[in-house]
């Protein structure tokens, strides 16, 4: 009986406490979403929208400034030809930047492989298809060298590729004797090296096979990055490599494969560059490294990794080509063309930083 009365008194005590407690329901503040914040969220979820919008605005603006000749089929196809090689380098660079790395050696790898292909096919008489395959193998080996130094020796990507850029450039000069392989010699000994320089006409536009190759490379890499487990691993590593390791991703192997694939793309670009330029020079595309990074940044791929579409790099390369062509047709000096591209880079990075604040 005493136990029952004791329990009753405790229950009354609890009820008295509850009566004095706060009965208000928790409420969460609902932020008023402005038009600007909505745009920010849309761009965050679709980073490729930014370069597409910039490309369309650029085309319209330079069409008004330069007149109807800017929109001529020949001029537009010429822009595609001019950005084809840098576009391929931007594709390789995109793979690296998506992992939160950077590769300052992509252009040096490309030129080195073109020199190797040329020396083998023209100077040593190796069949052109075999020389090209050996160039592809060399590109993958160069990429593997970068990847292993980064994953096994734990060197920063910037320092690693800065060093290998000097190594590959020196090898270019050594293998070539600092001499170019002339177009006439390539035509006589190994014309297949110029395969991607062949072109066909469509309604006044002149489309080279090198332009077709660039588009094929971007489509293939887009599929690999968006439709395969390997691609999801690449994005996961760029977003947070420690979290990727904890989730079971073999990060070192994936990173090495990324650098090897980038090296292969550079070697393919090396083959295409022979057809584009017509000759093989160990000092060609000297600024290709910076130009590839420019295309990637303008294309909306975050330098911090893990965000962006590789197709954005294609649009970024086209934007640079449109600016250069439009400013040239408007009579703007080359100095101010470079000035404009510099501002494009700064604006692109600022927009990327603004979009990233959505997740903050």
Protein backbone atom coordinates (compact mmCIF):
# COMPACT_ATOMS: atom_id res chain seq x y z
CA UNK A 1 0.00 0.00 0.00
CA UNK A 2 2.78 2.38 0.84
CA UNK A 3 4.49 1.59 -2.49
CA UNK A 4 1.28 2.46 -4.37
CA UNK A 5 0.85 5.73 -2.55
CA UNK A 6 4.52 6.53 -3.17
CA UNK A 7 4.16 5.95 -6.89
CA UNK A 8 1.05 8.13 -6.92
CA UNK A 9 2.87 11.03 -5.29
CA UNK A 10 5.71 10.74 -7.79
CA UNK A 11 3.22 10.82 -10.66
CA UNK A 12 1.61 13.96 -9.28
CA UNK A 13 5.04 15.55 -8.94
CA UNK A 14 5.86 14.80 -12.59
CA UNK A 15 2.55 16.27 -13.70
CA UNK A 16 3.22 19.45 -11.75
CA UNK A 17 6.61 19.76 -13.41
CA UNK A 18 5.09 19.23 -16.87
CA UNK A 19 2.46 21.85 -16.25
CA UNK A 20 5.15 24.44 -15.68
CA UNK A 21 7.19 23.45 -18.74
CA UNK A 22 7.25 25.29 -22.06
CA UNK A 23 4.64 23.84 -24.43
CA UNK A 24 5.67 25.79 -27.55
CA UNK A 25 6.42 23.71 -30.69
CA UNK A 26 9.87 24.07 -32.18
CA UNK A 27 9.88 26.16 -35.33
CA UNK A 28 12.50 26.46 -38.05
CA UNK A 29 13.19 29.68 -39.82
CA UNK A 30 12.28 29.53 -43.49
CA UNK A 31 14.59 31.62 -45.64
CA UNK A 32 13.07 33.71 -48.37
CA UNK A 33 14.58 32.39 -51.61
CA UNK A 34 15.41 35.25 -53.95
CA UNK A 35 15.80 34.95 -57.70
CA UNK A 36 19.59 35.27 -57.30
CA UNK A 37 19.75 32.41 -54.79
CA UNK A 38 17.66 30.23 -57.08
CA UNK A 39 20.04 30.93 -59.96
CA UNK A 40 22.93 30.10 -57.64
CA UNK A 41 21.39 26.72 -56.78
CA UNK A 42 20.68 25.93 -60.43
CA UNK A 43 24.26 26.71 -61.43
CA UNK A 44 25.54 24.67 -58.48
CA UNK A 45 23.60 21.64 -59.68
CA UNK A 46 24.42 22.27 -63.36
CA UNK A 47 27.93 23.81 -63.55
CA UNK A 48 28.05 23.44 -67.34
CA UNK A 49 25.32 26.06 -67.69
CA UNK A 50 27.80 28.88 -67.01
CA UNK A 51 30.16 28.23 -69.96
CA UNK A 52 27.20 27.52 -72.26
CA UNK A 53 25.62 30.88 -71.36
CA UNK A 54 28.96 32.68 -71.77
CA UNK A 55 29.52 30.98 -75.15
CA UNK A 56 26.10 32.01 -76.45
CA UNK A 57 26.54 35.61 -75.24
CA UNK A 58 30.02 35.75 -76.78
CA UNK A 59 28.75 34.51 -80.14
CA UNK A 60 25.96 37.08 -80.18
CA UNK A 61 28.21 39.93 -79.02
CA UNK A 62 30.98 39.30 -81.55
CA UNK A 63 28.38 38.67 -84.24
CA UNK A 64 27.13 42.21 -83.68
CA UNK A 65 30.64 43.69 -83.43
CA UNK A 66 32.30 41.87 -86.34
CA UNK A 67 29.25 41.62 -88.56
CA UNK A 68 27.86 38.74 -90.59
CA UNK A 69 31.28 37.43 -91.58
CA UNK A 70 31.80 36.22 -88.01
CA UNK A 71 28.91 33.77 -88.43
CA UNK A 72 30.12 32.52 -91.79
CA UNK A 73 30.46 28.74 -91.95
CA UNK A 74 34.14 29.05 -92.82
CA UNK A 75 34.97 31.26 -89.81
CA UNK A 76 33.07 29.08 -87.34
CA UNK A 77 34.77 25.95 -88.66
CA UNK A 78 38.11 27.75 -88.46
CA UNK A 79 37.48 28.40 -84.75
CA UNK A 80 36.88 24.68 -84.27
CA UNK A 81 40.15 23.86 -86.04
CA UNK A 82 42.08 26.36 -83.94
CA UNK A 83 40.82 24.98 -80.61
CA UNK A 84 40.99 21.28 -81.52
CA UNK A 85 44.44 20.57 -80.08
CA UNK A 86 44.04 22.76 -76.98
CA UNK A 87 40.63 21.17 -76.52
CA UNK A 88 42.19 17.71 -76.35
CA UNK A 89 44.75 18.94 -73.84
CA UNK A 90 41.89 20.49 -71.84
CA UNK A 91 40.17 17.08 -71.81
CA UNK A 92 43.31 15.52 -70.32
CA UNK A 93 43.68 18.40 -67.87
CA UNK A 94 40.05 18.04 -66.79
CA UNK A 95 40.64 14.46 -65.65
CA UNK A 96 43.43 15.63 -63.37
CA UNK A 97 41.65 18.70 -62.01
CA UNK A 98 38.54 16.66 -61.18
CA UNK A 99 40.74 14.74 -58.71
CA UNK A 100 41.78 18.08 -57.11
CA UNK A 101 45.17 17.89 -58.84
CA UNK A 102 46.79 19.81 -61.69
CA UNK A 103 49.10 18.78 -64.52
CA UNK A 104 51.62 21.30 -65.86
CA UNK A 105 53.17 18.73 -68.20
CA UNK A 106 50.29 17.90 -70.58
CA UNK A 107 51.64 19.96 -73.49
CA UNK A 108 55.19 18.67 -72.96
CA UNK A 109 53.90 15.06 -73.05
CA UNK A 110 51.98 15.81 -76.24
CA UNK A 111 54.97 17.34 -78.03
CA UNK A 112 57.34 14.62 -76.78
CA UNK A 113 55.08 11.89 -78.16
CA UNK A 114 54.78 13.67 -81.51
CA UNK A 115 58.60 13.89 -81.65
CA UNK A 116 58.89 10.18 -80.82
CA UNK A 117 56.34 9.28 -83.51
CA UNK A 118 58.10 11.47 -86.06
CA UNK A 119 61.60 10.16 -85.30
CA UNK A 120 60.47 6.55 -85.44
CA UNK A 121 58.43 6.87 -88.63
CA UNK A 122 60.42 9.46 -90.59
CA UNK A 123 64.02 9.06 -89.44
CA UNK A 124 64.15 5.37 -88.47
CA UNK A 125 61.71 3.96 -91.01
CA UNK A 126 59.38 2.34 -88.48
CA UNK A 127 55.88 1.76 -89.96
CA UNK A 128 53.65 4.70 -89.07
CA UNK A 129 50.94 2.67 -87.25
CA UNK A 130 53.58 1.04 -85.04
CA UNK A 131 55.26 4.40 -84.38
CA UNK A 132 51.90 5.85 -83.35
CA UNK A 133 51.16 2.93 -81.00
CA UNK A 134 54.59 3.35 -79.41
CA UNK A 135 53.79 7.04 -78.96
CA UNK A 136 50.55 6.09 -77.20
CA UNK A 137 52.46 3.72 -74.92
CA UNK A 138 54.95 6.49 -74.18
CA UNK A 139 52.14 8.88 -73.26
CA UNK A 140 50.69 6.36 -70.82
CA UNK A 141 54.15 5.77 -69.34
CA UNK A 142 54.66 9.51 -68.85
CA UNK A 143 51.28 9.75 -67.14
CA UNK A 144 52.11 6.74 -64.96
CA UNK A 145 55.33 8.47 -63.93
CA UNK A 146 53.36 11.49 -62.74
CA UNK A 147 50.79 9.33 -60.98
CA UNK A 148 53.32 7.16 -59.16
CA UNK A 149 55.33 10.14 -57.96
CA UNK A 150 52.14 11.65 -56.55
CA UNK A 151 50.69 8.49 -54.96
CA UNK A 152 53.79 6.57 -53.88
CA UNK A 153 56.30 9.33 -53.18
CA UNK A 154 53.51 11.61 -51.89
CA UNK A 155 54.65 14.66 -53.85
CA UNK A 156 52.16 17.48 -54.54
CA UNK A 157 50.74 17.35 -58.10
CA UNK A 158 51.85 20.92 -58.83
CA UNK A 159 55.49 20.29 -57.92
CA UNK A 160 55.55 16.85 -59.55
CA UNK A 161 54.25 17.98 -62.92
CA UNK A 162 56.32 21.17 -62.83
CA UNK A 163 59.38 18.94 -62.56
CA UNK A 164 58.28 16.44 -65.21
CA UNK A 165 57.41 19.32 -67.55
CA UNK A 166 61.10 20.30 -67.52
CA UNK A 167 62.15 16.66 -67.95
CA UNK A 168 59.85 16.05 -70.92
CA UNK A 169 60.78 19.34 -72.54
CA UNK A 170 64.48 18.52 -72.26
CA UNK A 171 63.83 15.09 -73.77
CA UNK A 172 62.03 16.80 -76.66
CA UNK A 173 65.12 18.86 -77.45
CA UNK A 174 67.47 15.88 -77.01
CA UNK A 175 65.55 13.45 -79.20
CA UNK A 176 64.96 16.00 -81.93
CA UNK A 177 68.33 17.70 -81.75
CA UNK A 178 66.29 20.92 -81.43
CA UNK A 179 65.39 20.45 -85.11
CA UNK A 180 61.94 20.28 -86.64
CA UNK A 181 60.82 17.49 -88.95
CA UNK A 182 59.71 19.18 -92.17
CA UNK A 183 56.31 18.74 -93.72
CA UNK A 184 57.85 17.49 -96.99
CA UNK A 185 59.75 14.74 -95.17
CA UNK A 186 56.59 13.60 -93.39
CA UNK A 187 54.71 13.53 -96.71
CA UNK A 188 57.46 11.42 -98.28
CA UNK A 189 58.19 9.00 -95.43
CA UNK A 190 55.11 8.81 -93.19
CA UNK A 191 52.03 10.61 -94.59
CA UNK A 192 49.77 8.67 -92.18
CA UNK A 193 51.08 10.90 -89.37
CA UNK A 194 49.06 13.73 -90.97
CA UNK A 195 45.84 11.73 -91.04
CA UNK A 196 43.92 14.07 -88.75
CA UNK A 197 44.83 17.06 -90.91
CA UNK A 198 42.52 15.77 -93.66
CA UNK A 199 39.32 17.78 -94.06
CA UNK A 200 35.97 17.77 -95.81
CA UNK A 201 33.65 20.61 -96.76
CA UNK A 202 30.04 21.00 -95.60
CA UNK A 203 28.14 24.05 -96.83
CA UNK A 204 31.18 26.29 -96.83
CA UNK A 205 32.53 24.92 -93.54
CA UNK A 206 35.83 23.06 -93.60
CA UNK A 207 35.85 20.36 -90.92
CA UNK A 208 39.09 18.50 -90.20
CA UNK A 209 39.27 14.99 -88.82
CA UNK A 210 41.10 16.52 -85.86
CA UNK A 211 37.90 18.37 -84.89
CA UNK A 212 35.94 15.12 -85.10
CA UNK A 213 38.57 13.42 -82.94
CA UNK A 214 38.31 16.15 -80.30
CA UNK A 215 34.53 15.70 -80.05
CA UNK A 216 34.88 11.90 -79.87
CA UNK A 217 37.40 12.19 -77.02
CA UNK A 218 35.11 14.46 -75.01
CA UNK A 219 32.08 12.22 -75.54
CA UNK A 220 34.04 9.09 -74.58
CA UNK A 221 35.44 10.69 -71.42
CA UNK A 222 32.01 12.07 -70.49
CA UNK A 223 30.61 8.56 -70.68
CA UNK A 224 33.45 7.13 -68.59
CA UNK A 225 33.05 9.80 -65.90
CA UNK A 226 29.25 9.71 -65.69
CA UNK A 227 28.25 6.14 -66.52
CA UNK A 228 30.93 3.97 -64.91
CA UNK A 229 32.04 3.17 -61.37
CA UNK A 230 35.52 4.42 -62.25
CA UNK A 231 34.09 7.85 -63.04
CA UNK A 232 32.21 8.00 -59.74
CA UNK A 233 35.44 7.12 -57.97
CA UNK A 234 37.23 10.00 -59.74
CA UNK A 235 34.62 12.50 -58.53
CA UNK A 236 34.68 11.02 -55.02
CA UNK A 237 38.47 11.40 -54.81
CA UNK A 238 38.28 15.01 -55.95
CA UNK A 239 35.52 15.80 -53.45
CA UNK A 240 37.20 14.20 -50.40
CA UNK A 241 40.01 11.68 -50.81
CA UNK A 242 39.93 10.59 -47.16
CA UNK A 243 36.21 9.87 -47.32
CA UNK A 244 36.78 8.00 -50.58
CA UNK A 245 39.38 5.78 -48.89
CA UNK A 246 37.04 5.08 -45.98
CA UNK A 247 34.31 4.06 -48.42
CA UNK A 248 36.57 1.40 -49.91
CA UNK A 249 37.80 3.16 -53.05
CA UNK A 250 41.36 2.24 -54.00
CA UNK A 251 42.40 5.85 -54.36
CA UNK A 252 46.04 5.33 -55.34
CA UNK A 253 45.21 2.93 -58.15
CA UNK A 254 42.45 5.21 -59.41
CA UNK A 255 44.72 8.26 -59.38
CA UNK A 256 47.44 6.44 -61.33
CA UNK A 257 44.85 5.33 -63.89
CA UNK A 258 43.65 8.94 -64.24
CA UNK A 259 47.16 10.20 -64.96
CA UNK A 260 47.79 7.33 -67.39
CA UNK A 261 44.57 8.07 -69.26
CA UNK A 262 45.48 11.76 -69.37
CA UNK A 263 48.88 10.80 -70.81
CA UNK A 264 47.18 8.69 -73.48
CA UNK A 265 44.91 11.59 -74.44
CA UNK A 266 47.99 13.82 -74.70
CA UNK A 267 49.66 11.29 -77.00
CA UNK A 268 46.55 11.17 -79.20
CA UNK A 269 46.63 14.97 -79.30
CA UNK A 270 50.29 14.71 -80.31
CA UNK A 271 49.34 12.64 -83.34
CA UNK A 272 46.53 15.07 -84.22
CA UNK A 273 48.86 18.06 -83.83
CA UNK A 274 51.08 16.76 -86.64
CA UNK A 275 48.16 16.97 -89.03
CA UNK A 276 47.13 20.35 -87.66
CA UNK A 277 50.57 22.01 -87.91
CA UNK A 278 51.96 19.97 -90.79
CA UNK A 279 55.39 19.59 -89.23
CA UNK A 280 56.88 18.40 -85.93
CA UNK A 281 58.65 20.96 -83.77
CA UNK A 282 60.03 20.25 -80.28
CA UNK A 283 59.11 23.79 -79.23
CA UNK A 284 55.54 23.92 -80.49
CA UNK A 285 52.53 24.50 -78.19
CA UNK A 286 54.84 25.95 -75.55
CA UNK A 287 51.90 27.62 -73.79
CA UNK A 288 49.62 24.62 -74.13
CA UNK A 289 49.74 23.86 -70.40
CA UNK A 290 48.35 27.25 -69.40
CA UNK A 291 45.87 27.29 -72.28
CA UNK A 292 44.47 23.91 -71.22
CA UNK A 293 44.03 25.12 -67.63
CA UNK A 294 42.36 28.28 -68.97
CA UNK A 295 39.81 26.21 -70.93
CA UNK A 296 39.09 24.03 -67.88
CA UNK A 297 38.60 26.99 -65.52
CA UNK A 298 36.41 28.93 -67.95
CA UNK A 299 34.50 25.68 -68.54
CA UNK A 300 33.25 25.64 -64.95
CA UNK A 301 35.30 22.75 -63.58
CA UNK A 302 36.29 23.58 -60.01
CA UNK A 303 40.01 23.82 -59.31
CA UNK A 304 39.23 22.30 -55.91
CA UNK A 305 38.12 19.06 -57.56
CA UNK A 306 35.03 16.92 -57.44
CA UNK A 307 32.67 19.26 -59.31
CA UNK A 308 32.02 20.07 -62.94
CA UNK A 309 31.46 18.32 -66.26
CA UNK A 310 34.25 17.52 -68.68
CA UNK A 311 32.04 18.92 -71.44
CA UNK A 312 32.52 22.27 -69.74
CA UNK A 313 36.18 22.18 -70.79
CA UNK A 314 35.07 21.83 -74.42
CA UNK A 315 32.85 24.89 -74.06
CA UNK A 316 35.72 26.68 -72.30
CA UNK A 317 38.05 26.02 -75.22
CA UNK A 318 35.37 27.24 -77.64
CA UNK A 319 34.88 30.43 -75.60
CA UNK A 320 38.60 31.22 -75.85
CA UNK A 321 38.50 30.52 -79.59
CA UNK A 322 35.44 32.72 -80.07
CA UNK A 323 37.04 35.58 -78.10
CA UNK A 324 40.28 35.38 -80.07
CA UNK A 325 38.51 35.20 -83.42
CA UNK A 326 35.99 37.92 -82.59
CA UNK A 327 38.58 40.33 -81.20
CA UNK A 328 40.87 39.68 -84.15
CA UNK A 329 38.10 40.36 -86.67
CA UNK A 330 37.22 43.53 -84.73
CA UNK A 331 40.80 44.74 -85.20
CA UNK A 332 41.82 44.43 -81.55
CA UNK A 333 45.56 44.07 -80.94
CA UNK A 334 46.86 40.68 -79.76
CA UNK A 335 47.99 42.29 -76.51
CA UNK A 336 44.40 43.17 -75.60
CA UNK A 337 43.20 39.74 -76.66
CA UNK A 338 45.45 38.26 -73.98
CA UNK A 339 44.21 40.95 -71.59
CA UNK A 340 40.59 39.88 -72.21
CA UNK A 341 41.36 36.18 -71.70
CA UNK A 342 43.01 37.03 -68.38
CA UNK A 343 39.84 38.72 -67.17
CA UNK A 344 37.82 35.74 -68.36
CA UNK A 345 39.87 33.47 -66.09
CA UNK A 346 39.43 35.75 -63.06
CA UNK A 347 35.68 36.06 -63.64
CA UNK A 348 35.33 32.29 -64.10
CA UNK A 349 37.08 31.56 -60.80
CA UNK A 350 34.99 34.22 -59.02
CA UNK A 351 31.78 32.65 -60.35
CA UNK A 352 32.98 29.21 -59.21
CA UNK A 353 33.62 30.53 -55.71
CA UNK A 354 30.16 32.14 -55.63
CA UNK A 355 28.48 28.91 -56.76
CA UNK A 356 30.38 26.82 -54.19
CA UNK A 357 28.93 28.93 -51.34
CA UNK A 358 25.62 27.10 -51.85
CA UNK A 359 27.00 24.09 -50.01
CA UNK A 360 28.50 26.22 -47.22
